[in-house]
């Protein structure tokens, strides 16, 4: 008789290792995001928030970037910049369901802090141009 639990156990161990790796990537990405926002101008103040269960940052109470569940940086920049980053294969469009979010771009965690820094600064400046939330 063949022991089927050995295969189940190996699969469970692989899933657990994958989840641990994803959690480590996410945590490292959040640390990187917080370090990068400390380099942004002090006024107006950048605040922290959550978007789609991801840690993010806001200016004028509007989210301008957050960490996706896989540790990627997701940032709101002008549509033309999204197209440019996608064409350069530096980023990917953000798709929610069937809809492509025209002003949101996803930069992989592997892109590194240098690539993130530039786009985060652009997203911050883009956020400043949007009207502040009322209330």
C-alpha atoms as a PDB file:
ATOM      1  CA  UNK A   1       0.000   0.000   0.000  1.00  0.00           C
ATOM      2  CA  UNK A   2       1.274   3.512  -0.917  1.00  0.00           C
ATOM      3  CA  UNK A   3       1.318   6.236   1.727  1.00  0.00           C
ATOM      4  CA  UNK A   4      -0.493   9.207   0.156  1.00  0.00           C
ATOM      5  CA  UNK A   5       0.164  11.458   3.147  1.00  0.00           C
ATOM      6  CA  UNK A   6       3.844  11.806   2.180  1.00  0.00           C
ATOM      7  CA  UNK A   7       2.901  13.660  -1.015  1.00  0.00           C
ATOM      8  CA  UNK A   8       0.371  15.811   0.849  1.00  0.00           C
ATOM      9  CA  UNK A   9       2.979  16.712   3.451  1.00  0.00           C
ATOM     10  CA  UNK A  10       5.539  17.715   0.795  1.00  0.00           C
ATOM     11  CA  UNK A  11       2.964  19.894  -0.958  1.00  0.00           C
ATOM     12  CA  UNK A  12       1.984  21.538   2.346  1.00  0.00           C
ATOM     13  CA  UNK A  13       5.645  22.213   3.154  1.00  0.00           C
ATOM     14  CA  UNK A  14       6.181  23.772  -0.287  1.00  0.00           C
ATOM     15  CA  UNK A  15       3.116  26.011   0.151  1.00  0.00           C
ATOM     16  CA  UNK A  16       4.270  27.042   3.629  1.00  0.00           C
ATOM     17  CA  UNK A  17       7.751  27.924   2.312  1.00  0.00           C
ATOM     18  CA  UNK A  18       6.200  29.920  -0.543  1.00  0.00           C
ATOM     19  CA  UNK A  19       3.952  31.804   1.907  1.00  0.00           C
ATOM     20  CA  UNK A  20       6.944  32.537   4.182  1.00  0.00           C
ATOM     21  CA  UNK A  21       8.924  33.859   1.222  1.00  0.00           C
ATOM     22  CA  UNK A  22       6.015  36.053   0.084  1.00  0.00           C
ATOM     23  CA  UNK A  23       5.585  37.394   3.624  1.00  0.00           C
ATOM     24  CA  UNK A  24       9.304  38.204   3.842  1.00  0.00           C
ATOM     25  CA  UNK A  25       9.210  39.979   0.464  1.00  0.00           C
ATOM     26  CA  UNK A  26       6.131  41.965   1.503  1.00  0.00           C
ATOM     27  CA  UNK A  27       7.697  42.967   4.838  1.00  0.00           C
ATOM     28  CA  UNK A  28      10.941  44.045   3.151  1.00  0.00           C
ATOM     29  CA  UNK A  29       8.942  46.066   0.621  1.00  0.00           C
ATOM     30  CA  UNK A  30       7.031  47.880   3.375  1.00  0.00           C
ATOM     31  CA  UNK A  31      10.316  48.756   5.111  1.00  0.00           C
ATOM     32  CA  UNK A  32      11.708  50.062   1.801  1.00  0.00           C
ATOM     33  CA  UNK A  33       8.565  52.148   1.160  1.00  0.00           C
ATOM     34  CA  UNK A  34       8.726  53.733   4.620  1.00  0.00           C
ATOM     35  CA  UNK A  35      12.427  54.499   4.177  1.00  0.00           C
ATOM     36  CA  UNK A  36      11.761  56.120   0.813  1.00  0.00           C
ATOM     37  CA  UNK A  37       8.919  58.311   2.068  1.00  0.00           C
ATOM     38  CA  UNK A  38      11.235  59.704   4.731  1.00  0.00           C
ATOM     39  CA  UNK A  39      13.176  61.270   1.834  1.00  0.00           C
ATOM     40  CA  UNK A  40      10.123  63.125   0.495  1.00  0.00           C
ATOM     41  CA  UNK A  41       9.507  66.783   1.460  1.00  0.00           C
ATOM     42  CA  UNK A  42       8.068  67.333   4.944  1.00  0.00           C
ATOM     43  CA  UNK A  43       5.218  69.514   3.682  1.00  0.00           C
ATOM     44  CA  UNK A  44       2.624  68.538   2.862  1.00  0.00           C
ATOM     45  CA  UNK A  45       2.857  65.615   5.197  1.00  0.00           C
ATOM     46  CA  UNK A  46       2.845  62.072   3.859  1.00  0.00           C
ATOM     47  CA  UNK A  47       0.580  59.836   5.916  1.00  0.00           C
ATOM     48  CA  UNK A  48       0.246  56.077   6.002  1.00  0.00           C
ATOM     49  CA  UNK A  49      -2.854  54.155   5.090  1.00  0.00           C
ATOM     50  CA  UNK A  50      -4.086  50.907   3.594  1.00  0.00           C
ATOM     51  CA  UNK A  51      -5.339  50.095   0.123  1.00  0.00           C
ATOM     52  CA  UNK A  52      -6.429  46.616  -0.998  1.00  0.00           C
ATOM     53  CA  UNK A  53      -4.990  45.250   2.277  1.00  0.00           C
ATOM     54  CA  UNK A  54      -1.603  46.724   1.421  1.00  0.00           C
ATOM     55  CA  UNK A  55       0.428  49.265   3.363  1.00  0.00           C
ATOM     56  CA  UNK A  56       0.434  52.558   1.527  1.00  0.00           C
ATOM     57  CA  UNK A  57       1.121  56.269   1.625  1.00  0.00           C
ATOM     58  CA  UNK A  58      -1.099  59.297   1.085  1.00  0.00           C
ATOM     59  CA  UNK A  59      -0.743  62.999   0.471  1.00  0.00           C
ATOM     60  CA  UNK A  60      -3.748  65.292   0.989  1.00  0.00           C
ATOM     61  CA  UNK A  61      -5.587  62.156   2.171  1.00  0.00           C
ATOM     62  CA  UNK A  62      -5.235  60.612  -1.309  1.00  0.00           C
ATOM     63  CA  UNK A  63      -3.355  57.357  -1.765  1.00  0.00           C
ATOM     64  CA  UNK A  64      -0.415  57.693  -4.143  1.00  0.00           C
ATOM     65  CA  UNK A  65       1.394  54.389  -3.602  1.00  0.00           C
ATOM     66  CA  UNK A  66       1.028  51.083  -1.781  1.00  0.00           C
ATOM     67  CA  UNK A  67       2.654  47.689  -1.532  1.00  0.00           C
ATOM     68  CA  UNK A  68       0.840  44.949  -3.434  1.00  0.00           C
ATOM     69  CA  UNK A  69       0.332  41.560  -1.800  1.00  0.00           C
ATOM     70  CA  UNK A  70       3.406  40.142  -3.571  1.00  0.00           C
ATOM     71  CA  UNK A  71       5.680  42.973  -2.442  1.00  0.00           C
ATOM     72  CA  UNK A  72       5.478  45.064  -5.626  1.00  0.00           C
ATOM     73  CA  UNK A  73       5.225  48.847  -5.461  1.00  0.00           C
ATOM     74  CA  UNK A  74       1.947  50.088  -6.940  1.00  0.00           C
ATOM     75  CA  UNK A  75       2.014  53.822  -7.676  1.00  0.00           C
ATOM     76  CA  UNK A  76      -0.339  56.420  -9.156  1.00  0.00           C
ATOM     77  CA  UNK A  77       1.404  58.422 -11.888  1.00  0.00           C
ATOM     78  CA  UNK A  78       0.185  60.157 -15.043  1.00  0.00           C
ATOM     79  CA  UNK A  79      -1.168  57.820 -17.710  1.00  0.00           C
ATOM     80  CA  UNK A  80       1.638  58.772 -20.118  1.00  0.00           C
ATOM     81  CA  UNK A  81       4.224  57.695 -17.522  1.00  0.00           C
ATOM     82  CA  UNK A  82       2.457  54.358 -17.015  1.00  0.00           C
ATOM     83  CA  UNK A  83       2.671  53.741 -20.769  1.00  0.00           C
ATOM     84  CA  UNK A  84       6.362  54.699 -20.768  1.00  0.00           C
ATOM     85  CA  UNK A  85       7.250  52.380 -17.866  1.00  0.00           C
ATOM     86  CA  UNK A  86       5.324  49.515 -19.461  1.00  0.00           C
ATOM     87  CA  UNK A  87       7.036  50.108 -22.839  1.00  0.00           C
ATOM     88  CA  UNK A  88      10.441  50.064 -21.096  1.00  0.00           C
ATOM     89  CA  UNK A  89       9.390  46.846 -19.329  1.00  0.00           C
ATOM     90  CA  UNK A  90      10.173  48.573 -16.036  1.00  0.00           C
ATOM     91  CA  UNK A  91       6.598  48.238 -14.821  1.00  0.00           C
ATOM     92  CA  UNK A  92       3.300  46.572 -15.545  1.00  0.00           C
ATOM     93  CA  UNK A  93      -0.205  47.989 -15.826  1.00  0.00           C
ATOM     94  CA  UNK A  94      -2.470  47.458 -12.833  1.00  0.00           C
ATOM     95  CA  UNK A  95      -5.557  45.424 -13.664  1.00  0.00           C
ATOM     96  CA  UNK A  96      -8.509  45.186 -11.276  1.00  0.00           C
ATOM     97  CA  UNK A  97     -10.900  42.538 -12.467  1.00  0.00           C
ATOM     98  CA  UNK A  98     -11.262  43.260 -16.174  1.00  0.00           C
ATOM     99  CA  UNK A  99     -10.389  46.942 -15.900  1.00  0.00           C
ATOM    100  CA  UNK A 100      -6.920  48.352 -16.483  1.00  0.00           C
ATOM    101  CA  UNK A 101      -6.303  51.242 -14.108  1.00  0.00           C
ATOM    102  CA  UNK A 102      -4.864  53.832 -16.477  1.00  0.00           C
ATOM    103  CA  UNK A 103      -2.949  55.882 -13.878  1.00  0.00           C
ATOM    104  CA  UNK A 104      -1.566  53.017 -11.775  1.00  0.00           C
ATOM    105  CA  UNK A 105       1.657  51.110 -12.435  1.00  0.00           C
ATOM    106  CA  UNK A 106       3.174  48.094 -10.695  1.00  0.00           C
ATOM    107  CA  UNK A 107       6.948  47.905 -10.195  1.00  0.00           C
ATOM    108  CA  UNK A 108       8.293  44.520  -9.140  1.00  0.00           C
ATOM    109  CA  UNK A 109       9.960  44.144  -5.747  1.00  0.00           C
ATOM    110  CA  UNK A 110      13.069  42.986  -7.621  1.00  0.00           C
ATOM    111  CA  UNK A 111      13.337  46.376  -9.388  1.00  0.00           C
ATOM    112  CA  UNK A 112      15.031  47.738  -6.301  1.00  0.00           C
ATOM    113  CA  UNK A 113      14.908  50.898  -4.278  1.00  0.00           C
ATOM    114  CA  UNK A 114      16.500  53.036  -7.012  1.00  0.00           C
ATOM    115  CA  UNK A 115      13.688  52.382  -9.479  1.00  0.00           C
ATOM    116  CA  UNK A 116      11.093  52.676  -6.739  1.00  0.00           C
ATOM    117  CA  UNK A 117      12.506  55.992  -5.502  1.00  0.00           C
ATOM    118  CA  UNK A 118      12.083  57.728  -8.841  1.00  0.00           C
ATOM    119  CA  UNK A 119       8.526  56.496  -9.387  1.00  0.00           C
ATOM    120  CA  UNK A 120       7.530  57.155  -5.778  1.00  0.00           C
ATOM    121  CA  UNK A 121       8.736  60.754  -6.111  1.00  0.00           C
ATOM    122  CA  UNK A 122       6.718  61.111  -9.331  1.00  0.00           C
ATOM    123  CA  UNK A 123       3.648  59.633  -7.638  1.00  0.00           C
ATOM    124  CA  UNK A 124       4.027  62.038  -4.705  1.00  0.00           C
ATOM    125  CA  UNK A 125       4.270  65.050  -7.039  1.00  0.00           C
ATOM    126  CA  UNK A 126       1.302  63.734  -9.059  1.00  0.00           C
ATOM    127  CA  UNK A 127      -0.643  63.402  -5.805  1.00  0.00           C
ATOM    128  CA  UNK A 128       0.086  67.033  -4.963  1.00  0.00           C
ATOM    129  CA  UNK A 129      -1.588  68.131  -8.200  1.00  0.00           C
ATOM    130  CA  UNK A 130      -4.822  66.333  -7.350  1.00  0.00           C
ATOM    131  CA  UNK A 131      -7.389  68.210  -5.240  1.00  0.00           C
ATOM    132  CA  UNK A 132      -7.253  67.533  -1.514  1.00  0.00           C
ATOM    133  CA  UNK A 133      -9.976  65.399   0.008  1.00  0.00           C
ATOM    134  CA  UNK A 134     -12.705  67.411   1.741  1.00  0.00           C
ATOM    135  CA  UNK A 135     -13.875  66.613   5.191  1.00  0.00           C
END
